[in-house]
Amino acid sequence: MPKGVGVRWVRIGILVLVALFLVLPNDAWAALEDPIFRHGRLEVRALLRAGGAIGYVVIALSIAMVALVVEHVLTIRRGAMIPYGLAEEVHKLVSAGQIVQAYEQAKRYPSFLGYLLQSGLQEAQYGHDAAEKAMEDTAVEQAARLSRKIEYLSLIGVLGPLLGLMGTVWGMIQAFSEFAEKANPQTADFAPGISEALVSTFFGLTLAIPAQTFFAIFRNRIDEFVAEASLLAGHALGPLKKRRP
């Protein structure tokens, strides 16, 4: 998946939501009319209607979350960040004094490890310490970029409960507004508002839990691969210690 596809999905989802709020009438977000459970079976359409406007916001964010997860699965993996055999090939070339060839070899692999090796080899003429410092700076820069990349999942995970809470408050407002419209409202009159409140909370949690879970998984992957790539890059340029700047 091309870089930035997940972010584009987030933006598209926001634009769709704005369009829905502007185009659809208020009646389109009417509360629950059909029972969510009928004969012991869940009615998905009734569940979506019960969520109201907040439910559709959560659904749009869920689509964006899935797009982000797919993009991260494809890019934040060992094969993509640490190409197999690259460190060994560069190590052999550096040991043979072929710095230019080693740089070209690293350049063929636009990956986290490849960027570390490129930055180190560019400073190889100034000695091992300069090359090591360049790789450390690049590692910090690339790790920060990856961390910012997965922050969207954390943001979605934080927004989920907040949206659920907002839907809960709105549903309770609708439920208790029956007192203003009717002198003696029946229990059934409160059902649509309370149902929307509870369903909104449910939607928010179903969005937040997987988003935070995947955020933690990808964060741990980044930490693991950054440490491993840094060690491999240091080993690959180890022969520079024997060379004089």
Protein backbone atom coordinates (compact mmCIF):
# COMPACT_ATOMS: atom_id res chain seq x y z
CA MET A 1 0.00 0.00 0.00
CA PRO A 2 1.45 3.43 -0.94
CA LYS A 3 2.72 5.66 1.80
CA GLY A 4 0.06 7.93 3.31
CA VAL A 5 -2.96 5.92 2.12
CA GLY A 6 -4.21 5.50 5.69
CA VAL A 7 -4.00 9.25 6.31
CA ARG A 8 -5.94 9.93 3.11
CA TRP A 9 -8.65 7.56 4.33
CA VAL A 10 -8.93 9.57 7.55
CA ARG A 11 -9.39 12.78 5.56
CA ILE A 12 -11.91 11.16 3.22
CA GLY A 13 -13.88 9.85 6.19
CA ILE A 14 -14.04 13.34 7.74
CA LEU A 15 -15.24 14.86 4.46
CA VAL A 16 -17.93 12.18 4.12
CA LEU A 17 -19.13 12.87 7.66
CA VAL A 18 -19.35 16.60 7.03
CA ALA A 19 -21.32 15.94 3.85
CA LEU A 20 -23.72 13.65 5.71
CA PHE A 21 -24.41 16.23 8.40
CA LEU A 22 -24.99 18.96 5.80
CA VAL A 23 -27.12 16.95 3.37
CA LEU A 24 -29.18 14.59 5.49
CA PRO A 25 -32.20 15.98 7.31
CA ASN A 26 -32.60 15.67 11.04
CA ASP A 27 -35.10 12.87 10.56
CA ALA A 28 -32.33 10.75 9.07
CA TRP A 29 -30.75 10.51 12.51
CA ALA A 30 -33.97 9.48 14.19
CA ALA A 31 -33.68 7.20 17.16
CA LEU A 32 -34.44 3.54 17.28
CA GLU A 33 -37.79 2.48 15.87
CA ASP A 34 -37.28 -1.25 15.48
CA PRO A 35 -36.04 -3.51 18.28
CA ILE A 36 -32.32 -4.25 18.24
CA PHE A 37 -32.99 -7.87 19.17
CA ARG A 38 -35.81 -9.71 17.45
CA HIS A 39 -36.54 -13.32 18.35
CA GLY A 40 -33.19 -13.51 20.09
CA ARG A 41 -31.23 -12.36 17.03
CA LEU A 42 -29.34 -9.09 16.59
CA GLU A 43 -30.73 -6.73 13.97
CA VAL A 44 -27.68 -4.95 12.57
CA ARG A 45 -29.63 -2.21 10.78
CA ALA A 46 -31.59 -1.44 13.92
CA LEU A 47 -28.34 -1.33 15.88
CA LEU A 48 -26.86 1.19 13.44
CA ARG A 49 -29.99 3.34 13.56
CA ALA A 50 -29.94 3.24 17.34
CA GLY A 51 -26.44 4.71 17.34
CA GLY A 52 -27.68 7.88 15.69
CA ALA A 53 -25.25 10.42 14.23
CA ILE A 54 -22.49 9.41 16.66
CA GLY A 55 -22.74 5.84 15.41
CA TYR A 56 -22.03 6.91 11.84
CA VAL A 57 -19.05 8.96 12.99
CA VAL A 58 -17.67 5.90 14.75
CA ILE A 59 -18.22 3.77 11.65
CA ALA A 60 -16.28 6.27 9.52
CA LEU A 61 -13.43 6.27 12.03
CA SER A 62 -13.51 2.47 12.07
CA ILE A 63 -12.97 2.42 8.30
CA ALA A 64 -10.05 4.83 8.71
CA MET A 65 -8.63 2.64 11.49
CA VAL A 66 -8.75 -0.47 9.31
CA ALA A 67 -6.97 1.38 6.49
CA LEU A 68 -4.27 2.55 8.90
CA VAL A 69 -3.80 -0.93 10.36
CA VAL A 70 -3.43 -2.49 6.91
CA GLU A 71 -0.89 0.16 5.88
CA HIS A 72 1.11 -0.32 9.09
CA VAL A 73 1.08 -4.10 8.78
CA LEU A 74 2.63 -3.78 5.33
CA THR A 75 5.26 -1.19 6.25
CA ILE A 76 6.12 -1.81 9.91
CA ARG A 77 7.48 -5.34 9.57
CA ARG A 78 10.91 -6.88 9.70
CA GLY A 79 11.23 -7.47 5.96
CA ALA A 80 10.34 -3.87 5.13
CA MET A 81 12.46 -2.18 7.80
CA ILE A 82 15.42 -4.60 7.92
CA PRO A 83 16.00 -6.19 4.49
CA TYR A 84 17.46 -9.66 4.84
CA GLY A 85 21.20 -9.86 4.12
CA LEU A 86 21.74 -6.12 3.63
CA ALA A 87 23.90 -5.63 6.72
CA GLU A 88 26.09 -8.61 5.80
CA GLU A 89 26.60 -7.39 2.24
CA VAL A 90 27.54 -3.89 3.38
CA HIS A 91 29.87 -5.34 6.02
CA LYS A 92 31.77 -7.31 3.37
CA LEU A 93 32.10 -4.28 1.09
CA VAL A 94 33.26 -2.02 3.92
CA SER A 95 35.80 -4.64 5.00
CA ALA A 96 37.14 -4.64 1.45
CA GLY A 97 37.38 -0.84 1.48
CA GLN A 98 34.65 -0.45 -1.13
CA ILE A 99 32.79 2.40 0.57
CA VAL A 100 31.14 3.73 -2.59
CA GLN A 101 29.89 0.28 -3.55
CA ALA A 102 28.61 -0.23 -0.01
CA TYR A 103 26.69 3.06 -0.19
CA GLU A 104 25.14 2.09 -3.53
CA GLN A 105 24.14 -1.27 -2.09
CA ALA A 106 22.41 0.39 0.88
CA LYS A 107 20.72 2.86 -1.44
CA ARG A 108 19.03 0.00 -3.31
CA TYR A 109 17.00 -0.76 -0.17
CA PRO A 110 14.91 2.28 0.88
CA SER A 111 14.28 0.99 4.39
CA PHE A 112 15.06 1.92 7.98
CA LEU A 113 18.30 -0.05 7.93
CA GLY A 114 19.13 1.27 4.47
CA TYR A 115 18.79 4.87 5.63
CA LEU A 116 21.02 4.22 8.64
CA LEU A 117 23.73 2.68 6.48
CA GLN A 118 23.53 5.46 3.91
CA SER A 119 23.95 8.18 6.53
CA GLY A 120 26.86 6.34 8.13
CA LEU A 121 28.63 5.66 4.86
CA GLN A 122 28.31 9.30 3.82
CA GLU A 123 30.43 10.20 6.86
CA ALA A 124 32.80 7.24 6.53
CA GLN A 125 35.61 9.44 5.24
CA TYR A 126 35.69 11.22 8.60
CA GLY A 127 36.12 8.04 10.61
CA HIS A 128 34.06 5.53 12.55
CA ASP A 129 32.93 7.98 15.24
CA ALA A 130 31.50 10.40 12.69
CA ALA A 131 29.72 7.58 10.87
CA GLU A 132 28.29 6.25 14.14
CA LYS A 133 27.05 9.72 15.14
CA ALA A 134 25.37 10.14 11.75
CA MET A 135 23.59 6.80 12.11
CA GLU A 136 22.41 7.69 15.60
CA ASP A 137 20.93 10.96 14.35
CA THR A 138 19.22 9.19 11.47
CA ALA A 139 17.85 6.51 13.78
CA VAL A 140 16.29 9.15 16.03
CA GLU A 141 14.80 10.96 13.04
CA GLN A 142 13.37 7.84 11.41
CA ALA A 143 12.05 6.45 14.70
CA ALA A 144 10.26 9.74 15.38
CA ARG A 145 8.73 9.63 11.91
CA LEU A 146 7.41 6.13 12.51
CA SER A 147 6.06 7.10 15.92
CA ARG A 148 4.18 10.04 14.43
CA LYS A 149 2.83 7.72 11.78
CA ILE A 150 1.08 5.44 14.29
CA GLU A 151 -0.19 8.35 16.41
CA TYR A 152 -3.35 8.39 14.30
CA LEU A 153 -4.34 5.06 15.85
CA SER A 154 -3.79 6.48 19.32
CA LEU A 155 -5.91 9.49 18.40
CA ILE A 156 -8.74 7.26 17.17
CA GLY A 157 -8.46 5.20 20.35
CA VAL A 158 -8.86 8.35 22.45
CA LEU A 159 -11.73 9.72 20.37
CA GLY A 160 -13.72 6.46 20.64
CA PRO A 161 -14.72 6.72 24.33
CA LEU A 162 -15.23 10.48 24.01
CA LEU A 163 -17.64 9.99 21.11
CA GLY A 164 -19.38 7.25 23.06
CA LEU A 165 -19.72 9.57 26.05
CA MET A 166 -21.08 12.35 23.86
CA GLY A 167 -23.63 9.94 22.39
CA THR A 168 -24.58 8.80 25.88
CA VAL A 169 -25.17 12.35 27.07
CA TRP A 170 -27.17 13.18 23.95
CA GLY A 171 -29.29 10.07 24.34
CA MET A 172 -30.05 10.86 27.98
CA ILE A 173 -30.99 14.42 26.99
CA GLN A 174 -33.44 13.00 24.47
CA ALA A 175 -34.82 10.56 27.03
CA PHE A 176 -35.45 13.12 29.75
CA SER A 177 -36.84 15.65 27.30
CA GLU A 178 -39.96 13.49 27.36
CA PHE A 179 -40.85 15.13 30.67
CA ALA A 180 -41.03 18.50 28.93
CA GLU A 181 -43.30 17.19 26.19
CA LYS A 182 -45.56 14.87 28.20
CA ALA A 183 -46.99 15.21 31.66
CA ASN A 184 -46.79 11.51 32.44
CA PRO A 185 -44.45 9.83 29.95
CA GLN A 186 -44.57 6.06 29.74
CA THR A 187 -41.55 3.85 30.19
CA ALA A 188 -41.54 3.07 26.47
CA ASP A 189 -41.14 6.78 25.71
CA PHE A 190 -37.66 6.71 27.26
CA ALA A 191 -36.52 3.66 25.31
CA PRO A 192 -35.28 5.35 22.10
CA GLY A 193 -33.11 7.90 23.91
CA ILE A 194 -31.69 5.41 26.40
CA SER A 195 -31.06 2.90 23.62
CA GLU A 196 -29.13 5.49 21.59
CA ALA A 197 -27.11 6.39 24.69
CA LEU A 198 -26.08 2.81 25.39
CA VAL A 199 -25.43 1.92 21.75
CA SER A 200 -23.21 5.01 21.34
CA THR A 201 -21.16 3.90 24.33
CA PHE A 202 -20.89 0.41 22.83
CA PHE A 203 -19.76 1.82 19.47
CA GLY A 204 -17.14 4.01 21.13
CA LEU A 205 -15.64 1.09 23.04
CA THR A 206 -15.59 -1.19 19.99
CA LEU A 207 -13.59 1.53 18.21
CA ALA A 208 -11.21 2.39 21.04
CA ILE A 209 -10.22 -1.12 22.13
CA PRO A 210 -8.80 -2.38 18.80
CA ALA A 211 -7.28 1.03 17.99
CA GLN A 212 -5.32 1.14 21.26
CA THR A 213 -4.40 -2.53 20.91
CA PHE A 214 -2.92 -2.09 17.45
CA PHE A 215 -1.20 1.13 18.53
CA ALA A 216 0.59 -0.76 21.31
CA ILE A 217 1.53 -3.59 18.94
CA PHE A 218 3.00 -1.27 16.32
CA ARG A 219 4.78 0.82 18.96
CA ASN A 220 6.48 -2.29 20.31
CA ARG A 221 7.38 -3.37 16.78
CA ILE A 222 8.99 -0.02 16.09
CA ASP A 223 11.03 -0.16 19.29
CA GLU A 224 12.18 -3.71 18.51
CA PHE A 225 13.10 -3.08 14.88
CA VAL A 226 14.80 0.26 15.60
CA ALA A 227 17.06 -1.38 18.20
CA GLU A 228 17.81 -4.35 15.94
CA ALA A 229 18.54 -2.18 12.89
CA SER A 230 20.85 0.06 14.92
CA LEU A 231 22.85 -2.93 16.11
CA LEU A 232 23.11 -4.36 12.59
CA ALA A 233 24.17 -1.00 11.16
CA GLY A 234 26.86 -0.61 13.83
CA HIS A 235 28.17 -4.08 13.06
CA ALA A 236 28.11 -3.47 9.30
CA LEU A 237 30.28 -0.37 9.65
CA GLY A 238 32.50 -1.91 12.30
CA PRO A 239 35.50 -2.29 9.94
CA LEU A 240 35.72 1.51 9.80
CA LYS A 241 37.33 1.39 13.25
CA LYS A 242 40.45 -0.02 11.62
CA ARG A 243 40.56 2.77 9.05
CA ARG A 244 42.07 6.18 9.61
CA PRO A 245 40.01 9.21 8.60
